[in-house]
Amino acid sequence: MIVTTDIFAYDDSTDHYQLQGKGTMVEMDDAVLALACEELGNSAPDWLAIRNASDPQVGPNLTKADAAKIYADYGYWTTLSSVLGCWSVITG
């Protein structure tokens, strides 16, 4: 199960946002598509989510700014693998 948030929330070792144990991944905002499809019922289109795994769990001494820096430093590179995954699904 993927847990979605409507804020910049990330997993940390102190469980500050109380996300641990609620799912295997945390994502921010994108699950609105799943909610919309659920509300459409049988008329919903088929869809697939390929997540960008750019935010690691951070320790208790790191701040929100530290988490944002990790994303800024590595988000581009992890996004490339997401792009390749999406392209593979589209062309496969």
PDB file of N, CA and C in Angstrom:
ATOM      1  N   MET A   1       0.838  -1.171   0.000  1.00  0.00           N
ATOM      2  CA  MET A   1       0.000   0.000   0.000  1.00  0.00           C
ATOM      3  C   MET A   1       0.890   1.244   0.000  1.00  0.00           C
ATOM      4  N   ILE A   2       0.470   2.246  -0.753  1.00  0.00           N
ATOM      5  CA  ILE A   2       1.185   3.515  -0.800  1.00  0.00           C
ATOM      6  C   ILE A   2       0.388   4.535   0.000  1.00  0.00           C
ATOM      7  N   VAL A   3       1.056   5.232   0.899  1.00  0.00           N
ATOM      8  CA  VAL A   3       0.435   6.270   1.711  1.00  0.00           C
ATOM      9  C   VAL A   3       0.662   7.604   1.023  1.00  0.00           C
ATOM     10  N   THR A   4      -0.386   8.394   0.888  1.00  0.00           N
ATOM     11  CA  THR A   4      -0.244   9.699   0.265  1.00  0.00           C
ATOM     12  C   THR A   4      -0.417  10.813   1.297  1.00  0.00           C
ATOM     13  N   THR A   5       0.256  11.919   1.049  1.00  0.00           N
ATOM     14  CA  THR A   5       0.132  13.084   1.922  1.00  0.00           C
ATOM     15  C   THR A   5      -0.188  14.306   1.069  1.00  0.00           C
ATOM     16  N   ASP A   6      -0.757  15.304   1.689  1.00  0.00           N
ATOM     17  CA  ASP A   6      -1.032  16.545   0.962  1.00  0.00           C
ATOM     18  C   ASP A   6      -0.079  17.661   1.387  1.00  0.00           C
ATOM     19  N   ILE A   7       1.006  17.274   2.046  1.00  0.00           N
ATOM     20  CA  ILE A   7       2.053  18.214   2.456  1.00  0.00           C
ATOM     21  C   ILE A   7       3.406  17.585   2.149  1.00  0.00           C
ATOM     22  N   PHE A   8       4.483  18.356   2.308  1.00  0.00           N
ATOM     23  CA  PHE A   8       5.831  17.818   2.135  1.00  0.00           C
ATOM     24  C   PHE A   8       6.172  17.025   3.398  1.00  0.00           C
ATOM     25  N   ALA A   9       5.722  15.792   3.451  1.00  0.00           N
ATOM     26  CA  ALA A   9       5.970  14.918   4.595  1.00  0.00           C
ATOM     27  C   ALA A   9       6.892  13.799   4.149  1.00  0.00           C
ATOM     28  N   TYR A  10       7.816  13.448   4.977  1.00  0.00           N
ATOM     29  CA  TYR A  10       8.788  12.414   4.648  1.00  0.00           C
ATOM     30  C   TYR A  10       8.974  11.524   5.861  1.00  0.00           C
ATOM     31  N   ASP A  11       9.438  10.325   5.604  1.00  0.00           N
ATOM     32  CA  ASP A  11       9.665   9.375   6.687  1.00  0.00           C
ATOM     33  C   ASP A  11      10.982   9.710   7.375  1.00  0.00           C
ATOM     34  N   ASP A  12      10.971   9.706   8.670  1.00  0.00           N
ATOM     35  CA  ASP A  12      12.219   9.868   9.417  1.00  0.00           C
ATOM     36  C   ASP A  12      12.256   8.848  10.542  1.00  0.00           C
ATOM     37  N   SER A  13      13.412   8.689  11.131  1.00  0.00           N
ATOM     38  CA  SER A  13      13.574   7.635  12.141  1.00  0.00           C
ATOM     39  C   SER A  13      12.821   7.938  13.438  1.00  0.00           C
ATOM     40  N   THR A  14      12.329   9.161  13.597  1.00  0.00           N
ATOM     41  CA  THR A  14      11.526   9.482  14.783  1.00  0.00           C
ATOM     42  C   THR A  14      10.035   9.337  14.525  1.00  0.00           C
ATOM     43  N   ASP A  15       9.671   9.032  13.276  1.00  0.00           N
ATOM     44  CA  ASP A  15       8.277   8.894  12.870  1.00  0.00           C
ATOM     45  C   ASP A  15       7.493  10.179  13.121  1.00  0.00           C
ATOM     46  N   HIS A  16       8.129  11.309  12.835  1.00  0.00           N
ATOM     47  CA  HIS A  16       7.542  12.628  13.096  1.00  0.00           C
ATOM     48  C   HIS A  16       6.172  12.798  12.446  1.00  0.00           C
ATOM     49  N   TYR A  17       6.027  12.360  11.200  1.00  0.00           N
ATOM     50  CA  TYR A  17       4.755  12.511  10.492  1.00  0.00           C
ATOM     51  C   TYR A  17       3.826  11.315  10.675  1.00  0.00           C
ATOM     52  N   GLN A  18       4.223  10.382  11.525  1.00  0.00           N
ATOM     53  CA  GLN A  18       3.451   9.184  11.855  1.00  0.00           C
ATOM     54  C   GLN A  18       3.042   8.403  10.601  1.00  0.00           C
ATOM     55  N   LEU A  19       4.039   8.158   9.744  1.00  0.00           N
ATOM     56  CA  LEU A  19       3.809   7.436   8.500  1.00  0.00           C
ATOM     57  C   LEU A  19       4.254   5.972   8.575  1.00  0.00           C
ATOM     58  N   GLN A  20       5.104   5.657   9.527  1.00  0.00           N
ATOM     59  CA  GLN A  20       5.653   4.302   9.590  1.00  0.00           C
ATOM     60  C   GLN A  20       4.562   3.283   9.908  1.00  0.00           C
ATOM     61  N   GLY A  21       4.642   2.168   9.211  1.00  0.00           N
ATOM     62  CA  GLY A  21       3.696   1.084   9.433  1.00  0.00           C
ATOM     63  C   GLY A  21       2.374   1.251   8.699  1.00  0.00           C
ATOM     64  N   LYS A  22       2.214   2.356   7.957  1.00  0.00           N
ATOM     65  CA  LYS A  22       0.955   2.585   7.234  1.00  0.00           C
ATOM     66  C   LYS A  22       1.030   2.122   5.790  1.00  0.00           C
ATOM     67  N   GLY A  23       2.210   1.860   5.297  1.00  0.00           N
ATOM     68  CA  GLY A  23       2.370   1.416   3.922  1.00  0.00           C
ATOM     69  C   GLY A  23       3.824   1.142   3.638  1.00  0.00           C
ATOM     70  N   THR A  24       4.099   0.775   2.400  1.00  0.00           N
ATOM     71  CA  THR A  24       5.475   0.481   2.027  1.00  0.00           C
ATOM     72  C   THR A  24       6.175   1.687   1.423  1.00  0.00           C
ATOM     73  N   MET A  25       5.404   2.691   1.005  1.00  0.00           N
ATOM     74  CA  MET A  25       5.959   3.910   0.419  1.00  0.00           C
ATOM     75  C   MET A  25       5.110   5.098   0.837  1.00  0.00           C
ATOM     76  N   VAL A  26       5.728   6.258   0.786  1.00  0.00           N
ATOM     77  CA  VAL A  26       5.020   7.515   0.995  1.00  0.00           C
ATOM     78  C   VAL A  26       5.181   8.333  -0.270  1.00  0.00           C
ATOM     79  N   GLU A  27       4.106   8.902  -0.741  1.00  0.00           N
ATOM     80  CA  GLU A  27       4.191   9.793  -1.886  1.00  0.00           C
ATOM     81  C   GLU A  27       3.432  11.062  -1.552  1.00  0.00           C
ATOM     82  N   MET A  28       3.738  12.124  -2.257  1.00  0.00           N
ATOM     83  CA  MET A  28       3.116  13.410  -1.984  1.00  0.00           C
ATOM     84  C   MET A  28       2.249  13.838  -3.159  1.00  0.00           C
ATOM     85  N   ASP A  29       0.966  13.854  -2.957  1.00  0.00           N
ATOM     86  CA  ASP A  29      -0.036  14.416  -3.866  1.00  0.00           C
ATOM     87  C   ASP A  29      -0.509  13.532  -5.011  1.00  0.00           C
ATOM     88  N   ASP A  30       0.281  12.628  -5.545  1.00  0.00           N
ATOM     89  CA  ASP A  30      -0.085  11.929  -6.773  1.00  0.00           C
ATOM     90  C   ASP A  30      -1.241  10.942  -6.616  1.00  0.00           C
ATOM     91  N   ALA A  31      -1.546  10.534  -5.416  1.00  0.00           N
ATOM     92  CA  ALA A  31      -2.603   9.538  -5.242  1.00  0.00           C
ATOM     93  C   ALA A  31      -3.990  10.094  -5.538  1.00  0.00           C
ATOM     94  N   VAL A  32      -4.078  11.363  -5.840  1.00  0.00           N
ATOM     95  CA  VAL A  32      -5.378  11.931  -6.206  1.00  0.00           C
ATOM     96  C   VAL A  32      -5.923  11.233  -7.452  1.00  0.00           C
ATOM     97  N   LEU A  33      -5.050  10.771  -8.334  1.00  0.00           N
ATOM     98  CA  LEU A  33      -5.499  10.025  -9.519  1.00  0.00           C
ATOM     99  C   LEU A  33      -6.208   8.742  -9.099  1.00  0.00           C
ATOM    100  N   ALA A  34      -5.626   8.031  -8.150  1.00  0.00           N
ATOM    101  CA  ALA A  34      -6.253   6.794  -7.678  1.00  0.00           C
ATOM    102  C   ALA A  34      -7.608   7.085  -7.042  1.00  0.00           C
ATOM    103  N   LEU A  35      -7.696   8.156  -6.282  1.00  0.00           N
ATOM    104  CA  LEU A  35      -8.956   8.529  -5.651  1.00  0.00           C
ATOM    105  C   LEU A  35     -10.013   8.857  -6.710  1.00  0.00           C
ATOM    106  N   ALA A  36      -9.620   9.620  -7.729  1.00  0.00           N
ATOM    107  CA  ALA A  36     -10.557   9.973  -8.793  1.00  0.00           C
ATOM    108  C   ALA A  36     -11.033   8.714  -9.523  1.00  0.00           C
ATOM    109  N   CYS A  37     -10.113   7.796  -9.807  1.00  0.00           N
ATOM    110  CA  CYS A  37     -10.494   6.552 -10.493  1.00  0.00           C
ATOM    111  C   CYS A  37     -11.411   5.701  -9.623  1.00  0.00           C
ATOM    112  N   GLU A  38     -11.151   5.678  -8.342  1.00  0.00           N
ATOM    113  CA  GLU A  38     -12.007   4.914  -7.435  1.00  0.00           C
ATOM    114  C   GLU A  38     -13.432   5.474  -7.451  1.00  0.00           C
ATOM    115  N   GLU A  39     -13.542   6.790  -7.480  1.00  0.00           N
ATOM    116  CA  GLU A  39     -14.865   7.418  -7.506  1.00  0.00           C
ATOM    117  C   GLU A  39     -15.587   7.191  -8.833  1.00  0.00           C
ATOM    118  N   LEU A  40     -14.839   6.994  -9.920  1.00  0.00           N
ATOM    119  CA  LEU A  40     -15.453   6.735 -11.224  1.00  0.00           C
ATOM    120  C   LEU A  40     -15.988   5.315 -11.337  1.00  0.00           C
ATOM    121  N   GLY A  41     -15.475   4.425 -10.491  1.00  0.00           N
ATOM    122  CA  GLY A  41     -15.951   3.043 -10.501  1.00  0.00           C
ATOM    123  C   GLY A  41     -15.556   2.322 -11.770  1.00  0.00           C
ATOM    124  N   ASN A  42     -16.507   1.579 -12.362  1.00  0.00           N
ATOM    125  CA  ASN A  42     -16.223   0.769 -13.555  1.00  0.00           C
ATOM    126  C   ASN A  42     -15.882   1.589 -14.784  1.00  0.00           C
ATOM    127  N   SER A  43     -16.219   2.875 -14.797  1.00  0.00           N
ATOM    128  CA  SER A  43     -15.907   3.700 -15.967  1.00  0.00           C
ATOM    129  C   SER A  43     -14.512   4.322 -15.885  1.00  0.00           C
ATOM    130  N   ALA A  44     -13.770   4.010 -14.839  1.00  0.00           N
ATOM    131  CA  ALA A  44     -12.422   4.570 -14.674  1.00  0.00           C
ATOM    132  C   ALA A  44     -11.460   3.972 -15.697  1.00  0.00           C
ATOM    133  N   PRO A  45     -10.542   4.783 -16.209  1.00  0.00           N
ATOM    134  CA  PRO A  45      -9.542   4.244 -17.145  1.00  0.00           C
ATOM    135  C   PRO A  45      -8.507   3.390 -16.404  1.00  0.00           C
ATOM    136  N   ASP A  46      -7.869   2.498 -17.142  1.00  0.00           N
ATOM    137  CA  ASP A  46      -6.739   1.767 -16.562  1.00  0.00           C
ATOM    138  C   ASP A  46      -5.612   2.761 -16.335  1.00  0.00           C
ATOM    139  N   TRP A  47      -4.867   2.585 -15.261  1.00  0.00           N
ATOM    140  CA  TRP A  47      -3.755   3.489 -15.001  1.00  0.00           C
ATOM    141  C   TRP A  47      -2.678   2.756 -14.219  1.00  0.00           C
ATOM    142  N   LEU A  48      -1.505   3.319 -14.235  1.00  0.00           N
ATOM    143  CA  LEU A  48      -0.347   2.747 -13.562  1.00  0.00           C
ATOM    144  C   LEU A  48       0.477   3.899 -12.993  1.00  0.00           C
ATOM    145  N   ALA A  49       0.939   3.746 -11.780  1.00  0.00           N
ATOM    146  CA  ALA A  49       1.795   4.760 -11.173  1.00  0.00           C
ATOM    147  C   ALA A  49       3.217   4.209 -11.078  1.00  0.00           C
ATOM    148  N   ILE A  50       4.161   4.952 -11.589  1.00  0.00           N
ATOM    149  CA  ILE A  50       5.577   4.621 -11.430  1.00  0.00           C
ATOM    150  C   ILE A  50       6.176   5.728 -10.579  1.00  0.00           C
ATOM    151  N   ARG A  51       6.553   5.378  -9.384  1.00  0.00           N
ATOM    152  CA  ARG A  51       7.000   6.373  -8.410  1.00  0.00           C
ATOM    153  C   ARG A  51       8.480   6.671  -8.539  1.00  0.00           C
ATOM    154  N   ASN A  52       8.831   7.883  -8.191  1.00  0.00           N
ATOM    155  CA  ASN A  52      10.215   8.326  -8.160  1.00  0.00           C
ATOM    156  C   ASN A  52      10.732   8.153  -6.728  1.00  0.00           C
ATOM    157  N   ALA A  53      11.619   7.209  -6.529  1.00  0.00           N
ATOM    158  CA  ALA A  53      12.142   6.925  -5.189  1.00  0.00           C
ATOM    159  C   ALA A  53      13.328   7.841  -4.886  1.00  0.00           C
ATOM    160  N   SER A  54      13.034   9.100  -4.629  1.00  0.00           N
ATOM    161  CA  SER A  54      14.100  10.090  -4.451  1.00  0.00           C
ATOM    162  C   SER A  54      14.291  10.526  -3.010  1.00  0.00           C
ATOM    163  N   ASP A  55      13.404  10.137  -2.125  1.00  0.00           N
ATOM    164  CA  ASP A  55      13.484  10.610  -0.746  1.00  0.00           C
ATOM    165  C   ASP A  55      13.733   9.448   0.207  1.00  0.00           C
ATOM    166  N   PRO A  56      14.954   9.289   0.687  1.00  0.00           N
ATOM    167  CA  PRO A  56      15.230   8.211   1.632  1.00  0.00           C
ATOM    168  C   PRO A  56      14.720   8.564   3.025  1.00  0.00           C
ATOM    169  N   GLN A  57      14.632   7.563   3.883  1.00  0.00           N
ATOM    170  CA  GLN A  57      14.318   7.849   5.276  1.00  0.00           C
ATOM    171  C   GLN A  57      15.474   8.651   5.850  1.00  0.00           C
ATOM    172  N   VAL A  58      15.157   9.679   6.624  1.00  0.00           N
ATOM    173  CA  VAL A  58      16.194  10.526   7.206  1.00  0.00           C
ATOM    174  C   VAL A  58      16.226  10.349   8.716  1.00  0.00           C
ATOM    175  N   GLY A  59      17.376  10.618   9.302  1.00  0.00           N
ATOM    176  CA  GLY A  59      17.571  10.481  10.739  1.00  0.00           C
ATOM    177  C   GLY A  59      16.970  11.636  11.532  1.00  0.00           C
ATOM    178  N   PRO A  60      16.948  11.510  12.851  1.00  0.00           N
ATOM    179  CA  PRO A  60      16.310  12.523  13.696  1.00  0.00           C
ATOM    180  C   PRO A  60      17.037  13.869  13.705  1.00  0.00           C
ATOM    181  N   ASN A  61      18.285  13.900  13.294  1.00  0.00           N
ATOM    182  CA  ASN A  61      19.049  15.149  13.327  1.00  0.00           C
ATOM    183  C   ASN A  61      18.930  15.946  12.033  1.00  0.00           C
ATOM    184  N   LEU A  62      18.222  15.419  11.062  1.00  0.00           N
ATOM    185  CA  LEU A  62      18.049  16.132   9.807  1.00  0.00           C
ATOM    186  C   LEU A  62      16.742  16.918   9.814  1.00  0.00           C
ATOM    187  N   THR A  63      16.759  18.032   9.152  1.00  0.00           N
ATOM    188  CA  THR A  63      15.597  18.913   9.113  1.00  0.00           C
ATOM    189  C   THR A  63      14.844  18.762   7.790  1.00  0.00           C
ATOM    190  N   LYS A  64      13.739  19.462   7.694  1.00  0.00           N
ATOM    191  CA  LYS A  64      12.987  19.493   6.444  1.00  0.00           C
ATOM    192  C   LYS A  64      13.855  20.059   5.329  1.00  0.00           C
ATOM    193  N   ALA A  65      14.687  21.042   5.661  1.00  0.00           N
ATOM    194  CA  ALA A  65      15.604  21.621   4.672  1.00  0.00           C
ATOM    195  C   ALA A  65      16.619  20.578   4.197  1.00  0.00           C
ATOM    196  N   ASP A  66      17.080  19.726   5.112  1.00  0.00           N
ATOM    197  CA  ASP A  66      18.002  18.653   4.722  1.00  0.00           C
ATOM    198  C   ASP A  66      17.325  17.682   3.759  1.00  0.00           C
ATOM    199  N   ALA A  67      16.073  17.334   4.045  1.00  0.00           N
ATOM    200  CA  ALA A  67      15.330  16.426   3.169  1.00  0.00           C
ATOM    201  C   ALA A  67      15.132  17.067   1.797  1.00  0.00           C
ATOM    202  N   ALA A  68      14.844  18.365   1.775  1.00  0.00           N
ATOM    203  CA  ALA A  68      14.679  19.068   0.503  1.00  0.00           C
ATOM    204  C   ALA A  68      15.989  19.085  -0.276  1.00  0.00           C
ATOM    205  N   LYS A  69      17.122  19.216   0.425  1.00  0.00           N
ATOM    206  CA  LYS A  69      18.424  19.212  -0.242  1.00  0.00           C
ATOM    207  C   LYS A  69      18.719  17.836  -0.838  1.00  0.00           C
ATOM    208  N   ILE A  70      18.393  16.781  -0.126  1.00  0.00           N
ATOM    209  CA  ILE A  70      18.574  15.425  -0.662  1.00  0.00           C
ATOM    210  C   ILE A  70      17.785  15.293  -1.959  1.00  0.00           C
ATOM    211  N   TYR A  71      16.549  15.789  -1.956  1.00  0.00           N
ATOM    212  CA  TYR A  71      15.729  15.733  -3.160  1.00  0.00           C
ATOM    213  C   TYR A  71      16.362  16.558  -4.277  1.00  0.00           C
ATOM    214  N   ALA A  72      16.835  17.759  -3.933  1.00  0.00           N
ATOM    215  CA  ALA A  72      17.453  18.628  -4.947  1.00  0.00           C
ATOM    216  C   ALA A  72      18.706  17.987  -5.533  1.00  0.00           C
ATOM    217  N   ASP A  73      19.492  17.323  -4.687  1.00  0.00           N
ATOM    218  CA  ASP A  73      20.743  16.717  -5.143  1.00  0.00           C
ATOM    219  C   ASP A  73      20.528  15.439  -5.951  1.00  0.00           C
ATOM    220  N   TYR A  74      19.540  14.638  -5.580  1.00  0.00           N
ATOM    221  CA  TYR A  74      19.384  13.319  -6.192  1.00  0.00           C
ATOM    222  C   TYR A  74      18.092  13.139  -6.977  1.00  0.00           C
ATOM    223  N   GLY A  75      17.155  14.061  -6.835  1.00  0.00           N
ATOM    224  CA  GLY A  75      15.851  13.925  -7.495  1.00  0.00           C
ATOM    225  C   GLY A  75      15.951  13.793  -9.002  1.00  0.00           C
ATOM    226  N   TYR A  76      16.837  14.559  -9.618  1.00  0.00           N
ATOM    227  CA  TYR A  76      17.008  14.481 -11.073  1.00  0.00           C
ATOM    228  C   TYR A  76      17.417  13.081 -11.490  1.00  0.00           C
ATOM    229  N   TRP A  77      18.398  12.523 -10.803  1.00  0.00           N
ATOM    230  CA  TRP A  77      18.936  11.214 -11.190  1.00  0.00           C
ATOM    231  C   TRP A  77      17.940  10.096 -10.930  1.00  0.00           C
ATOM    232  N   THR A  78      17.202  10.178  -9.839  1.00  0.00           N
ATOM    233  CA  THR A  78      16.212   9.133  -9.589  1.00  0.00           C
ATOM    234  C   THR A  78      15.033   9.278 -10.544  1.00  0.00           C
ATOM    235  N   THR A  79      14.785  10.498 -11.001  1.00  0.00           N
ATOM    236  CA  THR A  79      13.714  10.720 -11.968  1.00  0.00           C
ATOM    237  C   THR A  79      14.042  10.056 -13.300  1.00  0.00           C
ATOM    238  N   LEU A  80      15.308  10.017 -13.658  1.00  0.00           N
ATOM    239  CA  LEU A  80      15.694   9.357 -14.909  1.00  0.00           C
ATOM    240  C   LEU A  80      15.246   7.898 -14.930  1.00  0.00           C
ATOM    241  N   SER A  81      15.414   7.209 -13.812  1.00  0.00           N
ATOM    242  CA  SER A  81      14.983   5.803 -13.785  1.00  0.00           C
ATOM    243  C   SER A  81      13.459   5.708 -13.877  1.00  0.00           C
ATOM    244  N   SER A  82      12.761   6.669 -13.315  1.00  0.00           N
ATOM    245  CA  SER A  82      11.303   6.690 -13.437  1.00  0.00           C
ATOM    246  C   SER A  82      10.886   6.932 -14.884  1.00  0.00           C
ATOM    247  N   VAL A  83      11.597   7.820 -15.560  1.00  0.00           N
ATOM    248  CA  VAL A  83      11.313   8.093 -16.975  1.00  0.00           C
ATOM    249  C   VAL A  83      11.517   6.836 -17.805  1.00  0.00           C
ATOM    250  N   LEU A  84      12.622   6.130 -17.554  1.00  0.00           N
ATOM    251  CA  LEU A  84      12.879   4.884 -18.288  1.00  0.00           C
ATOM    252  C   LEU A  84      11.790   3.851 -18.014  1.00  0.00           C
ATOM    253  N   GLY A  85      11.341   3.761 -16.758  1.00  0.00           N
ATOM    254  CA  GLY A  85      10.265   2.839 -16.425  1.00  0.00           C
ATOM    255  C   GLY A  85       8.978   3.192 -17.139  1.00  0.00           C
ATOM    256  N   CYS A  86       8.650   4.485 -17.166  1.00  0.00           N
ATOM    257  CA  CYS A  86       7.432   4.931 -17.878  1.00  0.00           C
ATOM    258  C   CYS A  86       7.537   4.638 -19.362  1.00  0.00           C
ATOM    259  N   TRP A  87       8.685   4.948 -19.937  1.00  0.00           N
ATOM    260  CA  TRP A  87       8.870   4.701 -21.379  1.00  0.00           C
ATOM    261  C   TRP A  87       8.751   3.216 -21.691  1.00  0.00           C
ATOM    262  N   SER A  88       9.286   2.378 -20.826  1.00  0.00           N
ATOM    263  CA  SER A  88       9.195   0.929 -21.029  1.00  0.00           C
ATOM    264  C   SER A  88       7.745   0.456 -21.025  1.00  0.00           C
ATOM    265  N   VAL A  89       6.945   1.012 -20.114  1.00  0.00           N
ATOM    266  CA  VAL A  89       5.526   0.626 -20.053  1.00  0.00           C
ATOM    267  C   VAL A  89       4.802   1.102 -21.307  1.00  0.00           C
ATOM    268  N   ILE A  90       5.069   2.327 -21.718  1.00  0.00           N
ATOM    269  CA  ILE A  90       4.393   2.896 -22.887  1.00  0.00           C
ATOM    270  C   ILE A  90       4.739   2.126 -24.163  1.00  0.00           C
ATOM    271  N   THR A  91       6.009   1.813 -24.330  1.00  0.00           N
ATOM    272  CA  THR A  91       6.440   1.164 -25.581  1.00  0.00           C
ATOM    273  C   THR A  91       6.323  -0.358 -25.522  1.00  0.00           C
ATOM    274  N   GLY A  92       6.180  -0.904 -24.311  1.00  0.00           N
ATOM    275  CA  GLY A  92       6.124  -2.360 -24.143  1.00  0.00           C
ATOM    276  C   GLY A  92       4.799  -2.892 -24.520  1.00  0.00           C
TER     277      GLY A  92
END
